[in-house]
mmCIF file of all heavy atoms, coordinates in Angstrom:
data_MODEL
# 
_entry.id   MODEL 
# 
loop_
_atom_site.group_PDB 
_atom_site.id 
_atom_site.type_symbol 
_atom_site.label_atom_id 
_atom_site.label_alt_id 
_atom_site.label_comp_id 
_atom_site.label_asym_id 
_atom_site.label_entity_id 
_atom_site.label_seq_id 
_atom_site.pdbx_PDB_ins_code 
_atom_site.Cartn_x 
_atom_site.Cartn_y 
_atom_site.Cartn_z 
_atom_site.occupancy 
_atom_site.B_iso_or_equiv 
_atom_site.pdbx_formal_charge 
_atom_site.auth_seq_id 
_atom_site.auth_comp_id 
_atom_site.auth_asym_id 
_atom_site.auth_atom_id 
_atom_site.pdbx_PDB_model_num 
ATOM 1   N N   . PHE A 1 1  ? -2.743 -4.396  12.858  1.00 0.00 ? 1  PHE A N   1 
ATOM 2   C CA  . PHE A 1 1  ? -3.912 -4.139  12.013  1.00 0.00 ? 1  PHE A CA  1 
ATOM 3   C C   . PHE A 1 1  ? -4.008 -5.161  10.892  1.00 0.00 ? 1  PHE A C   1 
ATOM 4   O O   . PHE A 1 1  ? -5.099 -5.699  10.618  1.00 0.00 ? 1  PHE A O   1 
ATOM 5   C CB  . PHE A 1 1  ? -3.827 -2.726  11.433  1.00 0.00 ? 1  PHE A CB  1 
ATOM 6   C CG  . PHE A 1 1  ? -4.876 -2.420  10.401  1.00 0.00 ? 1  PHE A CG  1 
ATOM 7   C CD1 . PHE A 1 1  ? -6.143 -2.000  10.781  1.00 0.00 ? 1  PHE A CD1 1 
ATOM 8   C CD2 . PHE A 1 1  ? -4.604 -2.556  9.040   1.00 0.00 ? 1  PHE A CD2 1 
ATOM 9   C CE1 . PHE A 1 1  ? -7.123 -1.726  9.828   1.00 0.00 ? 1  PHE A CE1 1 
ATOM 10  C CE2 . PHE A 1 1  ? -5.572 -2.282  8.087   1.00 0.00 ? 1  PHE A CE2 1 
ATOM 11  C CZ  . PHE A 1 1  ? -6.839 -1.864  8.480   1.00 0.00 ? 1  PHE A CZ  1 
ATOM 12  N N   . PHE A 1 2  ? -2.897 -5.482  10.265  1.00 0.00 ? 2  PHE A N   1 
ATOM 13  C CA  . PHE A 1 2  ? -2.939 -6.365  9.099   1.00 0.00 ? 2  PHE A CA  1 
ATOM 14  C C   . PHE A 1 2  ? -3.124 -7.838  9.480   1.00 0.00 ? 2  PHE A C   1 
ATOM 15  O O   . PHE A 1 2  ? -3.495 -8.646  8.630   1.00 0.00 ? 2  PHE A O   1 
ATOM 16  C CB  . PHE A 1 2  ? -1.686 -6.173  8.242   1.00 0.00 ? 2  PHE A CB  1 
ATOM 17  C CG  . PHE A 1 2  ? -1.713 -4.879  7.480   1.00 0.00 ? 2  PHE A CG  1 
ATOM 18  C CD1 . PHE A 1 2  ? -0.952 -3.797  7.891   1.00 0.00 ? 2  PHE A CD1 1 
ATOM 19  C CD2 . PHE A 1 2  ? -2.541 -4.713  6.384   1.00 0.00 ? 2  PHE A CD2 1 
ATOM 20  C CE1 . PHE A 1 2  ? -0.996 -2.596  7.214   1.00 0.00 ? 2  PHE A CE1 1 
ATOM 21  C CE2 . PHE A 1 2  ? -2.598 -3.516  5.693   1.00 0.00 ? 2  PHE A CE2 1 
ATOM 22  C CZ  . PHE A 1 2  ? -1.834 -2.446  6.111   1.00 0.00 ? 2  PHE A CZ  1 
ATOM 23  N N   . ARG A 1 3  ? -2.880 -8.174  10.738  1.00 0.00 ? 3  ARG A N   1 
ATOM 24  C CA  . ARG A 1 3  ? -3.194 -9.534  11.168  1.00 0.00 ? 3  ARG A CA  1 
ATOM 25  C C   . ARG A 1 3  ? -4.705 -9.782  11.105  1.00 0.00 ? 3  ARG A C   1 
ATOM 26  O O   . ARG A 1 3  ? -5.155 -10.913 10.926  1.00 0.00 ? 3  ARG A O   1 
ATOM 27  C CB  . ARG A 1 3  ? -2.678 -9.772  12.590  1.00 0.00 ? 3  ARG A CB  1 
ATOM 28  C CG  . ARG A 1 3  ? -1.210 -10.159 12.635  1.00 0.00 ? 3  ARG A CG  1 
ATOM 29  C CD  . ARG A 1 3  ? -0.852 -10.834 13.949  1.00 0.00 ? 3  ARG A CD  1 
ATOM 30  N NE  . ARG A 1 3  ? -0.909 -9.912  15.075  1.00 0.00 ? 3  ARG A NE  1 
ATOM 31  C CZ  . ARG A 1 3  ? 0.130  -9.217  15.525  1.00 0.00 ? 3  ARG A CZ  1 
ATOM 32  N NH1 . ARG A 1 3  ? 1.324  -9.362  14.943  1.00 0.00 ? 3  ARG A NH1 1 
ATOM 33  N NH2 . ARG A 1 3  ? 0.003  -8.404  16.549  1.00 0.00 ? 3  ARG A NH2 1 
ATOM 34  N N   . LYS A 1 4  ? -5.477 -8.707  11.214  1.00 0.00 ? 4  LYS A N   1 
ATOM 35  C CA  . LYS A 1 4  ? -6.938 -8.827  11.120  1.00 0.00 ? 4  LYS A CA  1 
ATOM 36  C C   . LYS A 1 4  ? -7.425 -8.825  9.670   1.00 0.00 ? 4  LYS A C   1 
ATOM 37  O O   . LYS A 1 4  ? -8.617 -9.039  9.418   1.00 0.00 ? 4  LYS A O   1 
ATOM 38  C CB  . LYS A 1 4  ? -7.599 -7.669  11.881  1.00 0.00 ? 4  LYS A CB  1 
ATOM 39  C CG  . LYS A 1 4  ? -7.232 -7.617  13.363  1.00 0.00 ? 4  LYS A CG  1 
ATOM 40  C CD  . LYS A 1 4  ? -7.833 -6.380  14.016  1.00 0.00 ? 4  LYS A CD  1 
ATOM 41  C CE  . LYS A 1 4  ? -7.422 -6.257  15.476  1.00 0.00 ? 4  LYS A CE  1 
ATOM 42  N NZ  . LYS A 1 4  ? -7.947 -5.004  16.102  1.00 0.00 ? 4  LYS A NZ  1 
ATOM 43  N N   . HIS A 1 5  ? -6.512 -8.525  8.731   1.00 0.00 ? 5  HIS A N   1 
ATOM 44  C CA  . HIS A 1 5  ? -6.876 -8.472  7.307   1.00 0.00 ? 5  HIS A CA  1 
ATOM 45  C C   . HIS A 1 5  ? -5.862 -9.280  6.495   1.00 0.00 ? 5  HIS A C   1 
ATOM 46  O O   . HIS A 1 5  ? -5.101 -8.723  5.693   1.00 0.00 ? 5  HIS A O   1 
ATOM 47  C CB  . HIS A 1 5  ? -6.913 -7.017  6.836   1.00 0.00 ? 5  HIS A CB  1 
ATOM 48  C CG  . HIS A 1 5  ? -7.878 -6.164  7.601   1.00 0.00 ? 5  HIS A CG  1 
ATOM 49  N ND1 . HIS A 1 5  ? -9.224 -6.113  7.317   1.00 0.00 ? 5  HIS A ND1 1 
ATOM 50  C CD2 . HIS A 1 5  ? -7.692 -5.340  8.672   1.00 0.00 ? 5  HIS A CD2 1 
ATOM 51  C CE1 . HIS A 1 5  ? -9.823 -5.285  8.159   1.00 0.00 ? 5  HIS A CE1 1 
ATOM 52  N NE2 . HIS A 1 5  ? -8.919 -4.807  8.990   1.00 0.00 ? 5  HIS A NE2 1 
ATOM 53  N N   . PRO A 1 6  ? -5.855 -10.596 6.677   1.00 0.00 ? 6  PRO A N   1 
ATOM 54  C CA  . PRO A 1 6  ? -4.823 -11.444 6.040   1.00 0.00 ? 6  PRO A CA  1 
ATOM 55  C C   . PRO A 1 6  ? -4.904 -11.515 4.523   1.00 0.00 ? 6  PRO A C   1 
ATOM 56  O O   . PRO A 1 6  ? -3.938 -11.925 3.873   1.00 0.00 ? 6  PRO A O   1 
ATOM 57  C CB  . PRO A 1 6  ? -5.078 -12.820 6.669   1.00 0.00 ? 6  PRO A CB  1 
ATOM 58  C CG  . PRO A 1 6  ? -6.521 -12.781 7.092   1.00 0.00 ? 6  PRO A CG  1 
ATOM 59  C CD  . PRO A 1 6  ? -6.781 -11.370 7.512   1.00 0.00 ? 6  PRO A CD  1 
ATOM 60  N N   . SER A 1 7  ? -6.031 -11.097 3.942   1.00 0.00 ? 7  SER A N   1 
ATOM 61  C CA  . SER A 1 7  ? -6.161 -11.180 2.479   1.00 0.00 ? 7  SER A CA  1 
ATOM 62  C C   . SER A 1 7  ? -5.415 -10.055 1.767   1.00 0.00 ? 7  SER A C   1 
ATOM 63  O O   . SER A 1 7  ? -5.205 -10.107 0.550   1.00 0.00 ? 7  SER A O   1 
ATOM 64  C CB  . SER A 1 7  ? -7.632 -11.139 2.079   1.00 0.00 ? 7  SER A CB  1 
ATOM 65  O OG  . SER A 1 7  ? -8.227 -9.912  2.466   1.00 0.00 ? 7  SER A OG  1 
ATOM 66  N N   . MET A 1 8  ? -4.971 -9.046  2.509   1.00 0.00 ? 8  MET A N   1 
ATOM 67  C CA  . MET A 1 8  ? -4.267 -7.922  1.898   1.00 0.00 ? 8  MET A CA  1 
ATOM 68  C C   . MET A 1 8  ? -2.794 -8.282  1.687   1.00 0.00 ? 8  MET A C   1 
ATOM 69  O O   . MET A 1 8  ? -2.121 -8.740  2.602   1.00 0.00 ? 8  MET A O   1 
ATOM 70  C CB  . MET A 1 8  ? -4.366 -6.667  2.780   1.00 0.00 ? 8  MET A CB  1 
ATOM 71  C CG  . MET A 1 8  ? -5.772 -6.125  2.906   1.00 0.00 ? 8  MET A CG  1 
ATOM 72  S SD  . MET A 1 8  ? -5.828 -4.609  3.909   1.00 0.00 ? 8  MET A SD  1 
ATOM 73  C CE  . MET A 1 8  ? -7.607 -4.298  3.957   1.00 0.00 ? 8  MET A CE  1 
ATOM 74  N N   . GLU A 1 9  ? -2.326 -8.073  0.470   1.00 0.00 ? 9  GLU A N   1 
ATOM 75  C CA  . GLU A 1 9  ? -0.934 -8.391  0.116   1.00 0.00 ? 9  GLU A CA  1 
ATOM 76  C C   . GLU A 1 9  ? -0.047 -7.160  0.311   1.00 0.00 ? 9  GLU A C   1 
ATOM 77  O O   . GLU A 1 9  ? -0.381 -6.071  -0.148  1.00 0.00 ? 9  GLU A O   1 
ATOM 78  C CB  . GLU A 1 9  ? -0.857 -8.845  -1.343  1.00 0.00 ? 9  GLU A CB  1 
ATOM 79  C CG  . GLU A 1 9  ? 0.561  -9.124  -1.828  1.00 0.00 ? 9  GLU A CG  1 
ATOM 80  C CD  . GLU A 1 9  ? 0.628  -9.384  -3.314  1.00 0.00 ? 9  GLU A CD  1 
ATOM 81  O OE1 . GLU A 1 9  ? -0.450 -9.527  -3.955  1.00 0.00 ? 9  GLU A OE1 1 
ATOM 82  O OE2 . GLU A 1 9  ? 1.755  -9.424  -3.860  1.00 0.00 ? 9  GLU A OE2 1 
ATOM 83  N N   . PHE A 1 10 ? 1.094  -7.342  0.987   1.00 0.00 ? 10 PHE A N   1 
ATOM 84  C CA  . PHE A 1 10 ? 2.034  -6.245  1.191   1.00 0.00 ? 10 PHE A CA  1 
ATOM 85  C C   . PHE A 1 10 ? 2.917  -6.080  -0.042  1.00 0.00 ? 10 PHE A C   1 
ATOM 86  O O   . PHE A 1 10 ? 3.464  -7.056  -0.552  1.00 0.00 ? 10 PHE A O   1 
ATOM 87  C CB  . PHE A 1 10 ? 2.929  -6.512  2.400   1.00 0.00 ? 10 PHE A CB  1 
ATOM 88  C CG  . PHE A 1 10 ? 2.196  -6.612  3.709   1.00 0.00 ? 10 PHE A CG  1 
ATOM 89  C CD1 . PHE A 1 10 ? 2.768  -7.247  4.794   1.00 0.00 ? 10 PHE A CD1 1 
ATOM 90  C CD2 . PHE A 1 10 ? 0.934  -6.069  3.847   1.00 0.00 ? 10 PHE A CD2 1 
ATOM 91  C CE1 . PHE A 1 10 ? 2.100  -7.346  6.000   1.00 0.00 ? 10 PHE A CE1 1 
ATOM 92  C CE2 . PHE A 1 10 ? 0.248  -6.160  5.054   1.00 0.00 ? 10 PHE A CE2 1 
ATOM 93  C CZ  . PHE A 1 10 ? 0.831  -6.795  6.128   1.00 0.00 ? 10 PHE A CZ  1 
ATOM 94  N N   . VAL A 1 11 ? 3.089  -4.841  -0.483  1.00 0.00 ? 11 VAL A N   1 
ATOM 95  C CA  . VAL A 1 11 ? 3.998  -4.541  -1.598  1.00 0.00 ? 11 VAL A CA  1 
ATOM 96  C C   . VAL A 1 11 ? 4.960  -3.444  -1.132  1.00 0.00 ? 11 VAL A C   1 
ATOM 97  O O   . VAL A 1 11 ? 4.561  -2.276  -1.012  1.00 0.00 ? 11 VAL A O   1 
ATOM 98  C CB  . VAL A 1 11 ? 3.247  -4.080  -2.856  1.00 0.00 ? 11 VAL A CB  1 
ATOM 99  C CG1 . VAL A 1 11 ? 4.240  -3.848  -3.998  1.00 0.00 ? 11 VAL A CG1 1 
ATOM 100 C CG2 . VAL A 1 11 ? 2.185  -5.092  -3.258  1.00 0.00 ? 11 VAL A CG2 1 
ATOM 101 N N   . PRO A 1 12 ? 6.221  -3.787  -0.845  1.00 0.00 ? 12 PRO A N   1 
ATOM 102 C CA  . PRO A 1 12 ? 7.180  -2.757  -0.392  1.00 0.00 ? 12 PRO A CA  1 
ATOM 103 C C   . PRO A 1 12 ? 7.386  -1.688  -1.460  1.00 0.00 ? 12 PRO A C   1 
ATOM 104 O O   . PRO A 1 12 ? 7.502  -1.998  -2.650  1.00 0.00 ? 12 PRO A O   1 
ATOM 105 C CB  . PRO A 1 12 ? 8.468  -3.557  -0.139  1.00 0.00 ? 12 PRO A CB  1 
ATOM 106 C CG  . PRO A 1 12 ? 8.018  -4.968  0.036   1.00 0.00 ? 12 PRO A CG  1 
ATOM 107 C CD  . PRO A 1 12 ? 6.812  -5.123  -0.863  1.00 0.00 ? 12 PRO A CD  1 
ATOM 108 N N   . PHE A 1 13 ? 7.433  -0.420  -1.018  1.00 0.00 ? 13 PHE A N   1 
ATOM 109 C CA  . PHE A 1 13 ? 7.621  0.699   -1.936  1.00 0.00 ? 13 PHE A CA  1 
ATOM 110 C C   . PHE A 1 13 ? 8.594  1.688   -1.306  1.00 0.00 ? 13 PHE A C   1 
ATOM 111 O O   . PHE A 1 13 ? 9.022  1.523   -0.167  1.00 0.00 ? 13 PHE A O   1 
ATOM 112 C CB  . PHE A 1 13 ? 6.270  1.359   -2.241  1.00 0.00 ? 13 PHE A CB  1 
ATOM 113 C CG  . PHE A 1 13 ? 6.180  2.002   -3.592  1.00 0.00 ? 13 PHE A CG  1 
ATOM 114 C CD1 . PHE A 1 13 ? 6.274  1.240   -4.747  1.00 0.00 ? 13 PHE A CD1 1 
ATOM 115 C CD2 . PHE A 1 13 ? 5.998  3.360   -3.724  1.00 0.00 ? 13 PHE A CD2 1 
ATOM 116 C CE1 . PHE A 1 13 ? 6.191  1.818   -5.999  1.00 0.00 ? 13 PHE A CE1 1 
ATOM 117 C CE2 . PHE A 1 13 ? 5.898  3.959   -4.968  1.00 0.00 ? 13 PHE A CE2 1 
ATOM 118 C CZ  . PHE A 1 13 ? 6.009  3.184   -6.110  1.00 0.00 ? 13 PHE A CZ  1 
ATOM 119 N N   . PHE A 1 14 ? 8.968  2.736   -2.059  1.00 0.00 ? 14 PHE A N   1 
ATOM 120 C CA  . PHE A 1 14 ? 10.016 3.658   -1.622  1.00 0.00 ? 14 PHE A CA  1 
ATOM 121 C C   . PHE A 1 14 ? 9.730  4.263   -0.252  1.00 0.00 ? 14 PHE A C   1 
ATOM 122 O O   . PHE A 1 14 ? 10.537 4.196   0.646   1.00 0.00 ? 14 PHE A O   1 
ATOM 123 C CB  . PHE A 1 14 ? 10.211 4.776   -2.652  1.00 0.00 ? 14 PHE A CB  1 
ATOM 124 C CG  . PHE A 1 14 ? 10.795 4.296   -3.941  1.00 0.00 ? 14 PHE A CG  1 
ATOM 125 C CD1 . PHE A 1 14 ? 9.996  4.110   -5.060  1.00 0.00 ? 14 PHE A CD1 1 
ATOM 126 C CD2 . PHE A 1 14 ? 12.141 4.028   -4.032  1.00 0.00 ? 14 PHE A CD2 1 
ATOM 127 C CE1 . PHE A 1 14 ? 10.544 3.657   -6.252  1.00 0.00 ? 14 PHE A CE1 1 
ATOM 128 C CE2 . PHE A 1 14 ? 12.704 3.582   -5.231  1.00 0.00 ? 14 PHE A CE2 1 
ATOM 129 C CZ  . PHE A 1 14 ? 11.893 3.394   -6.340  1.00 0.00 ? 14 PHE A CZ  1 
ATOM 130 N N   . ASN A 1 15 ? 8.581  4.895   -0.103  1.00 0.00 ? 15 ASN A N   1 
ATOM 131 C CA  . ASN A 1 15 ? 8.188  5.438   1.194   1.00 0.00 ? 15 ASN A CA  1 
ATOM 132 C C   . ASN A 1 15 ? 6.679  5.614   1.206   1.00 0.00 ? 15 ASN A C   1 
ATOM 133 O O   . ASN A 1 15 ? 5.990  5.358   0.214   1.00 0.00 ? 15 ASN A O   1 
ATOM 134 C CB  . ASN A 1 15 ? 8.916  6.758   1.519   1.00 0.00 ? 15 ASN A CB  1 
ATOM 135 C CG  . ASN A 1 15 ? 8.580  7.868   0.551   1.00 0.00 ? 15 ASN A CG  1 
ATOM 136 O OD1 . ASN A 1 15 ? 7.528  7.882   -0.085  1.00 0.00 ? 15 ASN A OD1 1 
ATOM 137 N ND2 . ASN A 1 15 ? 9.478  8.827   0.423   1.00 0.00 ? 15 ASN A ND2 1 
ATOM 138 N N   . THR A 1 16 ? 6.158  6.047   2.344   1.00 0.00 ? 16 THR A N   1 
ATOM 139 C CA  . THR A 1 16 ? 4.707  6.100   2.495   1.00 0.00 ? 16 THR A CA  1 
ATOM 140 C C   . THR A 1 16 ? 4.060  7.135   1.567   1.00 0.00 ? 16 THR A C   1 
ATOM 141 O O   . THR A 1 16 ? 3.016  6.865   0.963   1.00 0.00 ? 16 THR A O   1 
ATOM 142 C CB  . THR A 1 16 ? 4.343  6.407   3.958   1.00 0.00 ? 16 THR A CB  1 
ATOM 143 O OG1 . THR A 1 16 ? 5.037  7.593   4.383   1.00 0.00 ? 16 THR A OG1 1 
ATOM 144 C CG2 . THR A 1 16 ? 4.750  5.254   4.867   1.00 0.00 ? 16 THR A CG2 1 
ATOM 145 N N   . ALA A 1 17 ? 4.655  8.310   1.452   1.00 0.00 ? 17 ALA A N   1 
ATOM 146 C CA  . ALA A 1 17 ? 4.054  9.355   0.619   1.00 0.00 ? 17 ALA A CA  1 
ATOM 147 C C   . ALA A 1 17 ? 4.073  8.970   -0.862  1.00 0.00 ? 17 ALA A C   1 
ATOM 148 O O   . ALA A 1 17 ? 3.102  9.198   -1.589  1.00 0.00 ? 17 ALA A O   1 
ATOM 149 C CB  . ALA A 1 17 ? 4.770  10.686  0.827   1.00 0.00 ? 17 ALA A CB  1 
ATOM 150 N N   . ARG A 1 18 ? 5.184  8.391   -1.320  1.00 0.00 ? 18 ARG A N   1 
ATOM 151 C CA  . ARG A 1 18 ? 5.230  7.949   -2.722  1.00 0.00 ? 18 ARG A CA  1 
ATOM 152 C C   . ARG A 1 18 ? 4.246  6.812   -2.959  1.00 0.00 ? 18 ARG A C   1 
ATOM 153 O O   . ARG A 1 18 ? 3.713  6.664   -4.062  1.00 0.00 ? 18 ARG A O   1 
ATOM 154 C CB  . ARG A 1 18 ? 6.646  7.520   -3.092  1.00 0.00 ? 18 ARG A CB  1 
ATOM 155 C CG  . ARG A 1 18 ? 7.600  8.690   -3.281  1.00 0.00 ? 18 ARG A CG  1 
ATOM 156 C CD  . ARG A 1 18 ? 8.904  8.264   -3.911  1.00 0.00 ? 18 ARG A CD  1 
ATOM 157 N NE  . ARG A 1 18 ? 8.741  7.767   -5.258  1.00 0.00 ? 18 ARG A NE  1 
ATOM 158 C CZ  . ARG A 1 18 ? 9.722  7.290   -6.019  1.00 0.00 ? 18 ARG A CZ  1 
ATOM 159 N NH1 . ARG A 1 18 ? 10.942 7.250   -5.524  1.00 0.00 ? 18 ARG A NH1 1 
ATOM 160 N NH2 . ARG A 1 18 ? 9.509  6.867   -7.236  1.00 0.00 ? 18 ARG A NH2 1 
ATOM 161 N N   . SER A 1 19 ? 4.006  6.000   -1.937  1.00 0.00 ? 19 SER A N   1 
ATOM 162 C CA  . SER A 1 19 ? 2.992  4.941   -2.055  1.00 0.00 ? 19 SER A CA  1 
ATOM 163 C C   . SER A 1 19 ? 1.621  5.574   -2.277  1.00 0.00 ? 19 SER A C   1 
ATOM 164 O O   . SER A 1 19 ? 0.843  5.125   -3.140  1.00 0.00 ? 19 SER A O   1 
ATOM 165 C CB  . SER A 1 19 ? 2.980  4.089   -0.786  1.00 0.00 ? 19 SER A CB  1 
ATOM 166 O OG  . SER A 1 19 ? 4.221  3.466   -0.573  1.00 0.00 ? 19 SER A OG  1 
ATOM 167 N N   . ALA A 1 20 ? 1.319  6.616   -1.509  1.00 0.00 ? 20 ALA A N   1 
ATOM 168 C CA  . ALA A 1 20 ? 0.038  7.307   -1.660  1.00 0.00 ? 20 ALA A CA  1 
ATOM 169 C C   . ALA A 1 20 ? -0.085 7.929   -3.050  1.00 0.00 ? 20 ALA A C   1 
ATOM 170 O O   . ALA A 1 20 ? -1.137 7.841   -3.697  1.00 0.00 ? 20 ALA A O   1 
ATOM 171 C CB  . ALA A 1 20 ? -0.100 8.376   -0.584  1.00 0.00 ? 20 ALA A CB  1 
ATOM 172 N N   . LYS A 1 21 ? 0.976  8.542   -3.506  1.00 0.00 ? 21 LYS A N   1 
ATOM 173 C CA  . LYS A 1 21 ? 0.982  9.165   -4.839  1.00 0.00 ? 21 LYS A CA  1 
ATOM 174 C C   . LYS A 1 21 ? 0.755  8.125   -5.929  1.00 0.00 ? 21 LYS A C   1 
ATOM 175 O O   . LYS A 1 21 ? -0.020 8.338   -6.870  1.00 0.00 ? 21 LYS A O   1 
ATOM 176 C CB  . LYS A 1 21 ? 2.310  9.880   -5.054  1.00 0.00 ? 21 LYS A CB  1 
ATOM 177 C CG  . LYS A 1 21 ? 2.421  10.675  -6.357  1.00 0.00 ? 21 LYS A CG  1 
ATOM 178 C CD  . LYS A 1 21 ? 3.734  11.465  -6.359  1.00 0.00 ? 21 LYS A CD  1 
ATOM 179 C CE  . LYS A 1 21 ? 3.837  12.372  -7.578  1.00 0.00 ? 21 LYS A CE  1 
ATOM 180 N NZ  . LYS A 1 21 ? 4.055  11.611  -8.823  1.00 0.00 ? 21 LYS A NZ  1 
ATOM 181 N N   . MET A 1 22 ? 1.413  6.965   -5.791  1.00 0.00 ? 22 MET A N   1 
ATOM 182 C CA  . MET A 1 22 ? 1.266  5.911   -6.789  1.00 0.00 ? 22 MET A CA  1 
ATOM 183 C C   . MET A 1 22 ? -0.155 5.366   -6.817  1.00 0.00 ? 22 MET A C   1 
ATOM 184 O O   . MET A 1 22 ? -0.733 5.141   -7.891  1.00 0.00 ? 22 MET A O   1 
ATOM 185 C CB  . MET A 1 22 ? 2.258  4.784   -6.486  1.00 0.00 ? 22 MET A CB  1 
ATOM 186 C CG  . MET A 1 22 ? 2.335  3.681   -7.558  1.00 0.00 ? 22 MET A CG  1 
ATOM 187 S SD  . MET A 1 22 ? 1.036  2.455   -7.402  1.00 0.00 ? 22 MET A SD  1 
ATOM 188 C CE  . MET A 1 22 ? 1.428  1.766   -5.802  1.00 0.00 ? 22 MET A CE  1 
ATOM 189 N N   . VAL A 1 23 ? -0.756 5.150   -5.639  1.00 0.00 ? 23 VAL A N   1 
ATOM 190 C CA  . VAL A 1 23 ? -2.131 4.655   -5.569  1.00 0.00 ? 23 VAL A CA  1 
ATOM 191 C C   . VAL A 1 23 ? -3.085 5.660   -6.207  1.00 0.00 ? 23 VAL A C   1 
ATOM 192 O O   . VAL A 1 23 ? -3.986 5.293   -6.973  1.00 0.00 ? 23 VAL A O   1 
ATOM 193 C CB  . VAL A 1 23 ? -2.523 4.368   -4.102  1.00 0.00 ? 23 VAL A CB  1 
ATOM 194 C CG1 . VAL A 1 23 ? -4.035 4.135   -3.986  1.00 0.00 ? 23 VAL A CG1 1 
ATOM 195 C CG2 . VAL A 1 23 ? -1.768 3.156   -3.579  1.00 0.00 ? 23 VAL A CG2 1 
ATOM 196 N N   . ALA A 1 24 ? -2.888 6.953   -5.927  1.00 0.00 ? 24 ALA A N   1 
ATOM 197 C CA  . ALA A 1 24 ? -3.748 7.985   -6.507  1.00 0.00 ? 24 ALA A CA  1 
ATOM 198 C C   . ALA A 1 24 ? -3.664 7.988   -8.030  1.00 0.00 ? 24 ALA A C   1 
ATOM 199 O O   . ALA A 1 24 ? -4.672 8.163   -8.721  1.00 0.00 ? 24 ALA A O   1 
ATOM 200 C CB  . ALA A 1 24 ? -3.353 9.350   -5.956  1.00 0.00 ? 24 ALA A CB  1 
ATOM 201 N N   . GLU A 1 25 ? -2.441 7.797   -8.558  1.00 0.00 ? 25 GLU A N   1 
ATOM 202 C CA  . GLU A 1 25 ? -2.250 7.819   -10.006 1.00 0.00 ? 25 GLU A CA  1 
ATOM 203 C C   . GLU A 1 25 ? -2.701 6.528   -10.690 1.00 0.00 ? 25 GLU A C   1 
ATOM 204 O O   . GLU A 1 25 ? -2.937 6.514   -11.901 1.00 0.00 ? 25 GLU A O   1 
ATOM 205 C CB  . GLU A 1 25 ? -0.777 8.083   -10.321 1.00 0.00 ? 25 GLU A CB  1 
ATOM 206 C CG  . GLU A 1 25 ? -0.314 9.491   -9.917  1.00 0.00 ? 25 GLU A CG  1 
ATOM 207 C CD  . GLU A 1 25 ? 1.179  9.685   -10.056 1.00 0.00 ? 25 GLU A CD  1 
ATOM 208 O OE1 . GLU A 1 25 ? 1.886  8.661   -10.251 1.00 0.00 ? 25 GLU A OE1 1 
ATOM 209 O OE2 . GLU A 1 25 ? 1.647  10.838  -9.974  1.00 0.00 ? 25 GLU A OE2 1 
ATOM 210 N N   . SER A 1 26 ? -2.828 5.447   -9.920  1.00 0.00 ? 26 SER A N   1 
ATOM 211 C CA  . SER A 1 26 ? -3.171 4.145   -10.521 1.00 0.00 ? 26 SER A CA  1 
ATOM 212 C C   . SER A 1 26 ? -4.634 4.068   -10.949 1.00 0.00 ? 26 SER A C   1 
ATOM 213 O O   . SER A 1 26 ? -4.976 3.364   -11.904 1.00 0.00 ? 26 SER A O   1 
ATOM 214 C CB  . SER A 1 26 ? -2.874 3.013   -9.527  1.00 0.00 ? 26 SER A CB  1 
ATOM 215 O OG  . SER A 1 26 ? -3.830 2.999   -8.467  1.00 0.00 ? 26 SER A OG  1 
ATOM 216 N N   . GLY A 1 27 ? -5.538 4.781   -10.222 1.00 0.00 ? 27 GLY A N   1 
ATOM 217 C CA  . GLY A 1 27 ? -6.964 4.689   -10.521 1.00 0.00 ? 27 GLY A CA  1 
ATOM 218 C C   . GLY A 1 27 ? -7.563 3.348   -10.161 1.00 0.00 ? 27 GLY A C   1 
ATOM 219 O O   . GLY A 1 27 ? -8.690 3.032   -10.576 1.00 0.00 ? 27 GLY A O   1 
# 
């Protein structure tokens, strides 16, 4: 999927759910 969206930067995080929580809290 991400090969089709090369402009997106990957940022490793603890796990997928905490990533979702962090994005929600970031606004």
